[in-house]
Amino acid sequence: MDGRAGSGAGTEQGMSPSERRRHPRVGVMLMAALRSANGMFDCIVLDISRGGAKLTLGEPHAIGNAVSLVLGGFGTFRAQPVWQRGDVMGIRFLDPPETIANALNGLVP
């Protein structure tokens, strides 16, 4: 034991967001739509994984807690917003990662 309190050894503390992610993200530029209780918003998916995606909405919107990402050619995915900075947001998919990977048909590892 090194005697340092709160060294963070063995925890996620001090790790970058990419090191904490469970699923590798793939950079993409896909036109999509985000459906929420507040309406339907055009967006661009900037990166995606089995666990979630980063999108840009073009302008900030109040989205709410439950959304669906509509990706033409792939399907509609239930999701939850986890962060938003201006017009960019991160969402977490609610379906199992294997279900997402199968629906995305080889787009994500």
PDB file of N, CA and C in Angstrom:
ATOM      1  N   MET A   1       0.846  -1.178   0.000  1.00  0.00           N
ATOM      2  CA  MET A   1       0.000   0.000   0.000  1.00  0.00           C
ATOM      3  C   MET A   1       0.882   1.228   0.000  1.00  0.00           C
ATOM      4  N   ASP A   2       0.565   2.245  -0.836  1.00  0.00           N
ATOM      5  CA  ASP A   2       1.443   3.398  -0.958  1.00  0.00           C
ATOM      6  C   ASP A   2       1.100   4.526   0.010  1.00  0.00           C
ATOM      7  N   GLY A   3       0.000   4.408   0.765  1.00  0.00           N
ATOM      8  CA  GLY A   3      -0.340   5.396   1.773  1.00  0.00           C
ATOM      9  C   GLY A   3      -1.015   6.646   1.235  1.00  0.00           C
ATOM     10  N   ARG A   4      -1.207   6.732  -0.080  1.00  0.00           N
ATOM     11  CA  ARG A   4      -1.879   7.913  -0.637  1.00  0.00           C
ATOM     12  C   ARG A   4      -3.375   7.679  -0.669  1.00  0.00           C
ATOM     13  N   ALA A   5      -4.105   8.533   0.006  1.00  0.00           N
ATOM     14  CA  ALA A   5      -5.569   8.416   0.006  1.00  0.00           C
ATOM     15  C   ALA A   5      -6.095   8.919  -1.326  1.00  0.00           C
ATOM     16  N   GLY A   6      -7.079   8.207  -1.860  1.00  0.00           N
ATOM     17  CA  GLY A   6      -7.743   8.674  -3.081  1.00  0.00           C
ATOM     18  C   GLY A   6      -6.849   8.674  -4.299  1.00  0.00           C
ATOM     19  N   SER A   7      -5.924   7.734  -4.412  1.00  0.00           N
ATOM     20  CA  SER A   7      -5.016   7.703  -5.556  1.00  0.00           C
ATOM     21  C   SER A   7      -5.732   7.365  -6.853  1.00  0.00           C
ATOM     22  N   GLY A   8      -6.950   6.795  -6.751  1.00  0.00           N
ATOM     23  CA  GLY A   8      -7.722   6.478  -7.952  1.00  0.00           C
ATOM     24  C   GLY A   8      -7.296   5.180  -8.610  1.00  0.00           C
ATOM     25  N   ALA A   9      -6.343   4.472  -8.021  1.00  0.00           N
ATOM     26  CA  ALA A   9      -5.903   3.210  -8.612  1.00  0.00           C
ATOM     27  C   ALA A   9      -7.071   2.238  -8.674  1.00  0.00           C
ATOM     28  N   GLY A  10      -7.246   1.637  -9.839  1.00  0.00           N
ATOM     29  CA  GLY A  10      -8.291   0.644 -10.005  1.00  0.00           C
ATOM     30  C   GLY A  10      -9.678   1.240 -10.211  1.00  0.00           C
ATOM     31  N   THR A  11      -9.777   2.548 -10.398  1.00  0.00           N
ATOM     32  CA  THR A  11     -11.069   3.184 -10.638  1.00  0.00           C
ATOM     33  C   THR A  11     -11.039   3.917 -11.961  1.00  0.00           C
ATOM     34  N   GLU A  12     -12.184   4.487 -12.339  1.00  0.00           N
ATOM     35  CA  GLU A  12     -12.268   5.246 -13.579  1.00  0.00           C
ATOM     36  C   GLU A  12     -11.787   6.680 -13.402  1.00  0.00           C
ATOM     37  N   GLN A  13     -11.502   7.079 -12.179  1.00  0.00           N
ATOM     38  CA  GLN A  13     -11.048   8.434 -11.911  1.00  0.00           C
ATOM     39  C   GLN A  13      -9.745   8.686 -12.663  1.00  0.00           C
ATOM     40  N   GLY A  14      -9.649   9.806 -13.337  1.00  0.00           N
ATOM     41  CA  GLY A  14      -8.449  10.156 -14.064  1.00  0.00           C
ATOM     42  C   GLY A  14      -8.367   9.572 -15.465  1.00  0.00           C
ATOM     43  N   MET A  15      -9.362   8.777 -15.858  1.00  0.00           N
ATOM     44  CA  MET A  15      -9.362   8.188 -17.196  1.00  0.00           C
ATOM     45  C   MET A  15     -10.069   9.132 -18.163  1.00  0.00           C
ATOM     46  N   SER A  16      -9.631   9.134 -19.414  1.00  0.00           N
ATOM     47  CA  SER A  16     -10.302   9.936 -20.432  1.00  0.00           C
ATOM     48  C   SER A  16     -11.631   9.275 -20.789  1.00  0.00           C
ATOM     49  N   PRO A  17     -12.567  10.046 -21.388  1.00  0.00           N
ATOM     50  CA  PRO A  17     -13.855   9.442 -21.779  1.00  0.00           C
ATOM     51  C   PRO A  17     -13.683   8.240 -22.703  1.00  0.00           C
ATOM     52  N   SER A  18     -12.719   8.289 -23.630  1.00  0.00           N
ATOM     53  CA  SER A  18     -12.539   7.164 -24.548  1.00  0.00           C
ATOM     54  C   SER A  18     -12.038   5.920 -23.812  1.00  0.00           C
ATOM     55  N   GLU A  19     -11.279   6.103 -22.729  1.00  0.00           N
ATOM     56  CA  GLU A  19     -10.817   4.960 -21.947  1.00  0.00           C
ATOM     57  C   GLU A  19     -11.947   4.348 -21.122  1.00  0.00           C
ATOM     58  N   ARG A  20     -12.965   5.154 -20.763  1.00  0.00           N
ATOM     59  CA  ARG A  20     -14.090   4.658 -19.964  1.00  0.00           C
ATOM     60  C   ARG A  20     -15.148   3.977 -20.815  1.00  0.00           C
ATOM     61  N   ARG A  21     -15.164   4.217 -22.113  1.00  0.00           N
ATOM     62  CA  ARG A  21     -16.197   3.640 -22.973  1.00  0.00           C
ATOM     63  C   ARG A  21     -16.073   2.134 -23.069  1.00  0.00           C
ATOM     64  N   ARG A  22     -17.216   1.480 -23.056  1.00  0.00           N
ATOM     65  CA  ARG A  22     -17.251   0.019 -23.176  1.00  0.00           C
ATOM     66  C   ARG A  22     -17.136  -0.442 -24.612  1.00  0.00           C
ATOM     67  N   HIS A  23     -17.603   0.410 -25.547  1.00  0.00           N
ATOM     68  CA  HIS A  23     -17.657   0.023 -26.961  1.00  0.00           C
ATOM     69  C   HIS A  23     -16.904   1.050 -27.802  1.00  0.00           C
ATOM     70  N   PRO A  24     -16.022   0.599 -28.695  1.00  0.00           N
ATOM     71  CA  PRO A  24     -15.284   1.541 -29.540  1.00  0.00           C
ATOM     72  C   PRO A  24     -16.219   2.312 -30.464  1.00  0.00           C
ATOM     73  N   ARG A  25     -15.930   3.585 -30.626  1.00  0.00           N
ATOM     74  CA  ARG A  25     -16.738   4.437 -31.506  1.00  0.00           C
ATOM     75  C   ARG A  25     -16.128   4.498 -32.887  1.00  0.00           C
ATOM     76  N   VAL A  26     -16.999   4.660 -33.876  1.00  0.00           N
ATOM     77  CA  VAL A  26     -16.591   4.767 -35.269  1.00  0.00           C
ATOM     78  C   VAL A  26     -17.030   6.141 -35.763  1.00  0.00           C
ATOM     79  N   GLY A  27     -16.086   6.904 -36.318  1.00  0.00           N
ATOM     80  CA  GLY A  27     -16.428   8.202 -36.890  1.00  0.00           C
ATOM     81  C   GLY A  27     -17.233   8.033 -38.164  1.00  0.00           C
ATOM     82  N   VAL A  28     -18.358   8.722 -38.250  1.00  0.00           N
ATOM     83  CA  VAL A  28     -19.241   8.645 -39.418  1.00  0.00           C
ATOM     84  C   VAL A  28     -19.811  10.037 -39.687  1.00  0.00           C
ATOM     85  N   MET A  29     -20.477  10.193 -40.783  1.00  0.00           N
ATOM     86  CA  MET A  29     -21.268  11.385 -41.094  1.00  0.00           C
ATOM     87  C   MET A  29     -22.563  10.876 -41.717  1.00  0.00           C
ATOM     88  N   LEU A  30     -23.548  10.594 -40.861  1.00  0.00           N
ATOM     89  CA  LEU A  30     -24.810  10.010 -41.322  1.00  0.00           C
ATOM     90  C   LEU A  30     -25.961  10.965 -41.041  1.00  0.00           C
ATOM     91  N   MET A  31     -26.752  11.236 -42.047  1.00  0.00           N
ATOM     92  CA  MET A  31     -27.967  12.032 -41.847  1.00  0.00           C
ATOM     93  C   MET A  31     -28.967  11.173 -41.083  1.00  0.00           C
ATOM     94  N   ALA A  32     -29.624  11.801 -40.106  1.00  0.00           N
ATOM     95  CA  ALA A  32     -30.575  11.073 -39.278  1.00  0.00           C
ATOM     96  C   ALA A  32     -31.614  12.056 -38.758  1.00  0.00           C
ATOM     97  N   ALA A  33     -32.514  11.553 -37.946  1.00  0.00           N
ATOM     98  CA  ALA A  33     -33.502  12.399 -37.270  1.00  0.00           C
ATOM     99  C   ALA A  33     -33.581  11.937 -35.825  1.00  0.00           C
ATOM    100  N   LEU A  34     -33.798  12.884 -34.947  1.00  0.00           N
ATOM    101  CA  LEU A  34     -33.960  12.592 -33.533  1.00  0.00           C
ATOM    102  C   LEU A  34     -35.397  12.912 -33.174  1.00  0.00           C
ATOM    103  N   ARG A  35     -36.126  11.902 -32.731  1.00  0.00           N
ATOM    104  CA  ARG A  35     -37.534  12.075 -32.371  1.00  0.00           C
ATOM    105  C   ARG A  35     -37.637  12.136 -30.853  1.00  0.00           C
ATOM    106  N   SER A  36     -38.347  13.152 -30.357  1.00  0.00           N
ATOM    107  CA  SER A  36     -38.560  13.289 -28.915  1.00  0.00           C
ATOM    108  C   SER A  36     -39.971  13.806 -28.682  1.00  0.00           C
ATOM    109  N   ALA A  37     -40.343  13.947 -27.415  1.00  0.00           N
ATOM    110  CA  ALA A  37     -41.655  14.497 -27.078  1.00  0.00           C
ATOM    111  C   ALA A  37     -41.778  15.948 -27.551  1.00  0.00           C
ATOM    112  N   ASN A  38     -40.637  16.602 -27.778  1.00  0.00           N
ATOM    113  CA  ASN A  38     -40.637  18.000 -28.210  1.00  0.00           C
ATOM    114  C   ASN A  38     -40.609  18.159 -29.724  1.00  0.00           C
ATOM    115  N   GLY A  39     -40.639  17.057 -30.471  1.00  0.00           N
ATOM    116  CA  GLY A  39     -40.667  17.149 -31.922  1.00  0.00           C
ATOM    117  C   GLY A  39     -39.637  16.254 -32.583  1.00  0.00           C
ATOM    118  N   MET A  40     -39.509  16.427 -33.889  1.00  0.00           N
ATOM    119  CA  MET A  40     -38.560  15.666 -34.703  1.00  0.00           C
ATOM    120  C   MET A  40     -37.509  16.657 -35.195  1.00  0.00           C
ATOM    121  N   PHE A  41     -36.232  16.318 -35.002  1.00  0.00           N
ATOM    122  CA  PHE A  41     -35.141  17.225 -35.341  1.00  0.00           C
ATOM    123  C   PHE A  41     -34.166  16.526 -36.279  1.00  0.00           C
ATOM    124  N   ASP A  42     -33.834  17.172 -37.390  1.00  0.00           N
ATOM    125  CA  ASP A  42     -32.793  16.647 -38.269  1.00  0.00           C
ATOM    126  C   ASP A  42     -31.471  16.716 -37.529  1.00  0.00           C
ATOM    127  N   CYS A  43     -30.612  15.724 -37.756  1.00  0.00           N
ATOM    128  CA  CYS A  43     -29.302  15.722 -37.118  1.00  0.00           C
ATOM    129  C   CYS A  43     -28.304  14.983 -37.992  1.00  0.00           C
ATOM    130  N   ILE A  44     -27.050  15.099 -37.617  1.00  0.00           N
ATOM    131  CA  ILE A  44     -25.973  14.350 -38.254  1.00  0.00           C
ATOM    132  C   ILE A  44     -25.292  13.536 -37.167  1.00  0.00           C
ATOM    133  N   VAL A  45     -25.157  12.234 -37.393  1.00  0.00           N
ATOM    134  CA  VAL A  45     -24.439  11.370 -36.467  1.00  0.00           C
ATOM    135  C   VAL A  45     -22.948  11.521 -36.774  1.00  0.00           C
ATOM    136  N   LEU A  46     -22.183  11.938 -35.763  1.00  0.00           N
ATOM    137  CA  LEU A  46     -20.748  12.176 -35.929  1.00  0.00           C
ATOM    138  C   LEU A  46     -19.915  10.954 -35.583  1.00  0.00           C
ATOM    139  N   ASP A  47     -20.345  10.218 -34.574  1.00  0.00           N
ATOM    140  CA  ASP A  47     -19.728   8.932 -34.275  1.00  0.00           C
ATOM    141  C   ASP A  47     -20.761   8.036 -33.624  1.00  0.00           C
ATOM    142  N   ILE A  48     -20.495   6.728 -33.705  1.00  0.00           N
ATOM    143  CA  ILE A  48     -21.486   5.767 -33.237  1.00  0.00           C
ATOM    144  C   ILE A  48     -20.773   4.512 -32.730  1.00  0.00           C
ATOM    145  N   SER A  49     -21.401   3.854 -31.774  1.00  0.00           N
ATOM    146  CA  SER A  49     -20.902   2.582 -31.255  1.00  0.00           C
ATOM    147  C   SER A  49     -22.104   1.705 -30.931  1.00  0.00           C
ATOM    148  N   ARG A  50     -21.842   0.525 -30.402  1.00  0.00           N
ATOM    149  CA  ARG A  50     -22.921  -0.358 -29.951  1.00  0.00           C
ATOM    150  C   ARG A  50     -23.670   0.255 -28.774  1.00  0.00           C
ATOM    151  N   GLY A  51     -23.036   1.177 -28.072  1.00  0.00           N
ATOM    152  CA  GLY A  51     -23.616   1.735 -26.855  1.00  0.00           C
ATOM    153  C   GLY A  51     -24.253   3.094 -26.997  1.00  0.00           C
ATOM    154  N   GLY A  52     -23.919   3.848 -28.062  1.00  0.00           N
ATOM    155  CA  GLY A  52     -24.476   5.189 -28.185  1.00  0.00           C
ATOM    156  C   GLY A  52     -23.914   5.924 -29.386  1.00  0.00           C
ATOM    157  N   ALA A  53     -24.172   7.231 -29.415  1.00  0.00           N
ATOM    158  CA  ALA A  53     -23.738   8.037 -30.555  1.00  0.00           C
ATOM    159  C   ALA A  53     -23.564   9.486 -30.140  1.00  0.00           C
ATOM    160  N   LYS A  54     -22.768  10.203 -30.937  1.00  0.00           N
ATOM    161  CA  LYS A  54     -22.632  11.646 -30.785  1.00  0.00           C
ATOM    162  C   LYS A  54     -23.253  12.281 -32.019  1.00  0.00           C
ATOM    163  N   LEU A  55     -24.112  13.278 -31.800  1.00  0.00           N
ATOM    164  CA  LEU A  55     -24.841  13.914 -32.890  1.00  0.00           C
ATOM    165  C   LEU A  55     -24.697  15.427 -32.836  1.00  0.00           C
ATOM    166  N   THR A  56     -24.909  16.039 -33.972  1.00  0.00           N
ATOM    167  CA  THR A  56     -25.049  17.485 -34.011  1.00  0.00           C
ATOM    168  C   THR A  56     -26.427  17.800 -34.575  1.00  0.00           C
ATOM    169  N   LEU A  57     -27.098  18.735 -33.927  1.00  0.00           N
ATOM    170  CA  LEU A  57     -28.469  19.079 -34.298  1.00  0.00           C
ATOM    171  C   LEU A  57     -28.549  20.326 -35.170  1.00  0.00           C
ATOM    172  N   GLY A  58     -27.426  20.996 -35.414  1.00  0.00           N
ATOM    173  CA  GLY A  58     -27.450  22.213 -36.217  1.00  0.00           C
ATOM    174  C   GLY A  58     -27.709  23.448 -35.380  1.00  0.00           C
ATOM    175  N   GLU A  59     -28.513  23.327 -34.349  1.00  0.00           N
ATOM    176  CA  GLU A  59     -28.766  24.398 -33.381  1.00  0.00           C
ATOM    177  C   GLU A  59     -29.259  23.752 -32.092  1.00  0.00           C
ATOM    178  N   PRO A  60     -29.047  24.409 -30.953  1.00  0.00           N
ATOM    179  CA  PRO A  60     -29.482  23.807 -29.683  1.00  0.00           C
ATOM    180  C   PRO A  60     -30.996  23.643 -29.619  1.00  0.00           C
ATOM    181  N   HIS A  61     -31.447  22.528 -29.056  1.00  0.00           N
ATOM    182  CA  HIS A  61     -32.856  22.254 -28.843  1.00  0.00           C
ATOM    183  C   HIS A  61     -33.039  21.648 -27.458  1.00  0.00           C
ATOM    184  N   ALA A  62     -34.172  21.906 -26.837  1.00  0.00           N
ATOM    185  CA  ALA A  62     -34.546  21.201 -25.612  1.00  0.00           C
ATOM    186  C   ALA A  62     -35.102  19.855 -26.053  1.00  0.00           C
ATOM    187  N   ILE A  63     -34.436  18.782 -25.692  1.00  0.00           N
ATOM    188  CA  ILE A  63     -34.776  17.468 -26.229  1.00  0.00           C
ATOM    189  C   ILE A  63     -35.661  16.648 -25.303  1.00  0.00           C
ATOM    190  N   GLY A  64     -35.369  16.609 -24.033  1.00  0.00           N
ATOM    191  CA  GLY A  64     -36.111  15.751 -23.115  1.00  0.00           C
ATOM    192  C   GLY A  64     -35.311  14.519 -22.755  1.00  0.00           C
ATOM    193  N   ASN A  65     -35.950  13.585 -22.040  1.00  0.00           N
ATOM    194  CA  ASN A  65     -35.244  12.420 -21.505  1.00  0.00           C
ATOM    195  C   ASN A  65     -35.310  11.166 -22.354  1.00  0.00           C
ATOM    196  N   ALA A  66     -36.309  11.034 -23.186  1.00  0.00           N
ATOM    197  CA  ALA A  66     -36.458   9.836 -24.013  1.00  0.00           C
ATOM    198  C   ALA A  66     -36.494  10.248 -25.477  1.00  0.00           C
ATOM    199  N   VAL A  67     -35.639   9.612 -26.290  1.00  0.00           N
ATOM    200  CA  VAL A  67     -35.569   9.945 -27.705  1.00  0.00           C
ATOM    201  C   VAL A  67     -35.477   8.663 -28.524  1.00  0.00           C
ATOM    202  N   SER A  68     -35.678   8.817 -29.807  1.00  0.00           N
ATOM    203  CA  SER A  68     -35.413   7.742 -30.767  1.00  0.00           C
ATOM    204  C   SER A  68     -34.556   8.329 -31.866  1.00  0.00           C
ATOM    205  N   LEU A  69     -33.492   7.618 -32.224  1.00  0.00           N
ATOM    206  CA  LEU A  69     -32.647   8.019 -33.340  1.00  0.00           C
ATOM    207  C   LEU A  69     -33.116   7.245 -34.564  1.00  0.00           C
ATOM    208  N   VAL A  70     -33.532   7.979 -35.587  1.00  0.00           N
ATOM    209  CA  VAL A  70     -34.041   7.372 -36.815  1.00  0.00           C
ATOM    210  C   VAL A  70     -32.935   7.455 -37.862  1.00  0.00           C
ATOM    211  N   LEU A  71     -32.356   6.288 -38.182  1.00  0.00           N
ATOM    212  CA  LEU A  71     -31.253   6.198 -39.139  1.00  0.00           C
ATOM    213  C   LEU A  71     -31.740   5.468 -40.378  1.00  0.00           C
ATOM    214  N   GLY A  72     -31.939   6.210 -41.464  1.00  0.00           N
ATOM    215  CA  GLY A  72     -32.401   5.604 -42.706  1.00  0.00           C
ATOM    216  C   GLY A  72     -31.515   4.444 -43.125  1.00  0.00           C
ATOM    217  N   GLY A  73     -32.115   3.342 -43.505  1.00  0.00           N
ATOM    218  CA  GLY A  73     -31.382   2.166 -43.935  1.00  0.00           C
ATOM    219  C   GLY A  73     -30.958   1.248 -42.791  1.00  0.00           C
ATOM    220  N   PHE A  74     -31.041   1.743 -41.543  1.00  0.00           N
ATOM    221  CA  PHE A  74     -30.624   0.937 -40.395  1.00  0.00           C
ATOM    222  C   PHE A  74     -31.757   0.695 -39.407  1.00  0.00           C
ATOM    223  N   GLY A  75     -32.641   1.666 -39.243  1.00  0.00           N
ATOM    224  CA  GLY A  75     -33.747   1.489 -38.313  1.00  0.00           C
ATOM    225  C   GLY A  75     -33.874   2.639 -37.328  1.00  0.00           C
ATOM    226  N   THR A  76     -34.703   2.416 -36.335  1.00  0.00           N
ATOM    227  CA  THR A  76     -34.973   3.394 -35.279  1.00  0.00           C
ATOM    228  C   THR A  76     -34.485   2.807 -33.963  1.00  0.00           C
ATOM    229  N   PHE A  77     -33.740   3.617 -33.207  1.00  0.00           N
ATOM    230  CA  PHE A  77     -33.094   3.148 -31.991  1.00  0.00           C
ATOM    231  C   PHE A  77     -33.532   3.984 -30.796  1.00  0.00           C
ATOM    232  N   ARG A  78     -34.080   3.311 -29.784  1.00  0.00           N
ATOM    233  CA  ARG A  78     -34.460   4.004 -28.547  1.00  0.00           C
ATOM    234  C   ARG A  78     -33.194   4.437 -27.821  1.00  0.00           C
ATOM    235  N   ALA A  79     -33.221   5.662 -27.268  1.00  0.00           N
ATOM    236  CA  ALA A  79     -32.017   6.176 -26.623  1.00  0.00           C
ATOM    237  C   ALA A  79     -32.363   7.164 -25.519  1.00  0.00           C
ATOM    238  N   GLN A  80     -31.341   7.490 -24.747  1.00  0.00           N
ATOM    239  CA  GLN A  80     -31.454   8.472 -23.670  1.00  0.00           C
ATOM    240  C   GLN A  80     -30.320   9.478 -23.833  1.00  0.00           C
ATOM    241  N   PRO A  81     -30.619  10.772 -23.884  1.00  0.00           N
ATOM    242  CA  PRO A  81     -29.543  11.767 -23.919  1.00  0.00           C
ATOM    243  C   PRO A  81     -28.732  11.703 -22.628  1.00  0.00           C
ATOM    244  N   VAL A  82     -27.403  11.764 -22.747  1.00  0.00           N
ATOM    245  CA  VAL A  82     -26.560  11.741 -21.554  1.00  0.00           C
ATOM    246  C   VAL A  82     -25.788  13.036 -21.369  1.00  0.00           C
ATOM    247  N   TRP A  83     -25.601  13.805 -22.423  1.00  0.00           N
ATOM    248  CA  TRP A  83     -24.994  15.126 -22.307  1.00  0.00           C
ATOM    249  C   TRP A  83     -25.361  15.956 -23.532  1.00  0.00           C
ATOM    250  N   GLN A  84     -25.284  17.267 -23.362  1.00  0.00           N
ATOM    251  CA  GLN A  84     -25.531  18.186 -24.471  1.00  0.00           C
ATOM    252  C   GLN A  84     -24.728  19.450 -24.240  1.00  0.00           C
ATOM    253  N   ARG A  85     -23.984  19.861 -25.261  1.00  0.00           N
ATOM    254  CA  ARG A  85     -23.222  21.110 -25.245  1.00  0.00           C
ATOM    255  C   ARG A  85     -23.585  21.871 -26.511  1.00  0.00           C
ATOM    256  N   GLY A  86     -24.435  22.878 -26.338  1.00  0.00           N
ATOM    257  CA  GLY A  86     -24.904  23.615 -27.508  1.00  0.00           C
ATOM    258  C   GLY A  86     -25.691  22.712 -28.416  1.00  0.00           C
ATOM    259  N   ASP A  87     -25.241  22.599 -29.679  1.00  0.00           N
ATOM    260  CA  ASP A  87     -25.974  21.776 -30.650  1.00  0.00           C
ATOM    261  C   ASP A  87     -25.415  20.359 -30.785  1.00  0.00           C
ATOM    262  N   VAL A  88     -24.459  19.980 -29.934  1.00  0.00           N
ATOM    263  CA  VAL A  88     -23.873  18.640 -29.979  1.00  0.00           C
ATOM    264  C   VAL A  88     -24.326  17.872 -28.746  1.00  0.00           C
ATOM    265  N   MET A  89     -24.693  16.619 -28.947  1.00  0.00           N
ATOM    266  CA  MET A  89     -25.142  15.813 -27.812  1.00  0.00           C
ATOM    267  C   MET A  89     -24.684  14.371 -27.932  1.00  0.00           C
ATOM    268  N   GLY A  90     -24.620  13.724 -26.781  1.00  0.00           N
ATOM    269  CA  GLY A  90     -24.319  12.305 -26.727  1.00  0.00           C
ATOM    270  C   GLY A  90     -25.554  11.559 -26.248  1.00  0.00           C
ATOM    271  N   ILE A  91     -25.826  10.432 -26.875  1.00  0.00           N
ATOM    272  CA  ILE A  91     -26.969   9.604 -26.470  1.00  0.00           C
ATOM    273  C   ILE A  91     -26.483   8.189 -26.154  1.00  0.00           C
ATOM    274  N   ARG A  92     -27.203   7.527 -25.279  1.00  0.00           N
ATOM    275  CA  ARG A  92     -26.942   6.126 -24.926  1.00  0.00           C
ATOM    276  C   ARG A  92     -28.103   5.300 -25.456  1.00  0.00           C
ATOM    277  N   PHE A  93     -27.788   4.261 -26.213  1.00  0.00           N
ATOM    278  CA  PHE A  93     -28.832   3.381 -26.710  1.00  0.00           C
ATOM    279  C   PHE A  93     -29.395   2.550 -25.570  1.00  0.00           C
ATOM    280  N   LEU A  94     -30.691   2.291 -25.600  1.00  0.00           N
ATOM    281  CA  LEU A  94     -31.357   1.541 -24.544  1.00  0.00           C
ATOM    282  C   LEU A  94     -31.461   0.045 -24.838  1.00  0.00           C
ATOM    283  N   ASP A  95     -31.284  -0.330 -26.090  1.00  0.00           N
ATOM    284  CA  ASP A  95     -31.342  -1.744 -26.442  1.00  0.00           C
ATOM    285  C   ASP A  95     -29.974  -2.394 -26.229  1.00  0.00           C
ATOM    286  N   PRO A  96     -29.925  -3.730 -26.093  1.00  0.00           N
ATOM    287  CA  PRO A  96     -28.646  -4.417 -25.875  1.00  0.00           C
ATOM    288  C   PRO A  96     -27.652  -4.135 -27.013  1.00  0.00           C
ATOM    289  N   PRO A  97     -26.361  -4.048 -26.683  1.00  0.00           N
ATOM    290  CA  PRO A  97     -25.343  -3.754 -27.694  1.00  0.00           C
ATOM    291  C   PRO A  97     -25.369  -4.705 -28.890  1.00  0.00           C
ATOM    292  N   GLU A  98     -25.667  -5.982 -28.660  1.00  0.00           N
ATOM    293  CA  GLU A  98     -25.708  -6.945 -29.762  1.00  0.00           C
ATOM    294  C   GLU A  98     -26.839  -6.620 -30.728  1.00  0.00           C
ATOM    295  N   THR A  99     -27.969  -6.161 -30.189  1.00  0.00           N
ATOM    296  CA  THR A  99     -29.109  -5.777 -31.022  1.00  0.00           C
ATOM    297  C   THR A  99     -28.739  -4.581 -31.895  1.00  0.00           C
ATOM    298  N   ILE A 100     -28.040  -3.616 -31.301  1.00  0.00           N
ATOM    299  CA  ILE A 100     -27.613  -2.423 -32.047  1.00  0.00           C
ATOM    300  C   ILE A 100     -26.629  -2.829 -33.137  1.00  0.00           C
ATOM    301  N   ALA A 101     -25.636  -3.641 -32.788  1.00  0.00           N
ATOM    302  CA  ALA A 101     -24.617  -4.064 -33.769  1.00  0.00           C
ATOM    303  C   ALA A 101     -25.265  -4.797 -34.938  1.00  0.00           C
ATOM    304  N   ASN A 102     -26.205  -5.691 -34.655  1.00  0.00           N
ATOM    305  CA  ASN A 102     -26.887  -6.422 -35.733  1.00  0.00           C
ATOM    306  C   ASN A 102     -27.662  -5.475 -36.638  1.00  0.00           C
ATOM    307  N   ALA A 103     -28.356  -4.510 -36.047  1.00  0.00           N
ATOM    308  CA  ALA A 103     -29.147  -3.570 -36.843  1.00  0.00           C
ATOM    309  C   ALA A 103     -28.238  -2.664 -37.686  1.00  0.00           C
ATOM    310  N   LEU A 104     -27.058  -2.330 -37.159  1.00  0.00           N
ATOM    311  CA  LEU A 104     -26.135  -1.462 -37.893  1.00  0.00           C
ATOM    312  C   LEU A 104     -25.320  -2.220 -38.933  1.00  0.00           C
ATOM    313  N   ASN A 105     -25.529  -3.517 -39.007  1.00  0.00           N
ATOM    314  CA  ASN A 105     -25.033  -4.344 -40.111  1.00  0.00           C
ATOM    315  C   ASN A 105     -23.566  -4.101 -40.465  1.00  0.00           C
ATOM    316  N   GLY A 106     -22.672  -4.270 -39.492  1.00  0.00           N
ATOM    317  CA  GLY A 106     -21.238  -4.160 -39.775  1.00  0.00           C
ATOM    318  C   GLY A 106     -20.672  -2.760 -39.662  1.00  0.00           C
ATOM    319  N   LEU A 107     -21.487  -1.765 -39.399  1.00  0.00           N
ATOM    320  CA  LEU A 107     -20.992  -0.389 -39.277  1.00  0.00           C
ATOM    321  C   LEU A 107     -20.115  -0.213 -38.030  1.00  0.00           C
ATOM    322  N   VAL A 108     -20.439  -0.942 -36.959  1.00  0.00           N
ATOM    323  CA  VAL A 108     -19.661  -0.860 -35.722  1.00  0.00           C
ATOM    324  C   VAL A 108     -19.041  -2.216 -35.419  1.00  0.00           C
ATOM    325  N   PRO A 109     -17.862  -2.194 -34.783  1.00  0.00           N
ATOM    326  CA  PRO A 109     -17.226  -3.484 -34.437  1.00  0.00           C
ATOM    327  C   PRO A 109     -17.955  -4.197 -33.316  1.00  0.00           C
TER     328      PRO A 109
END
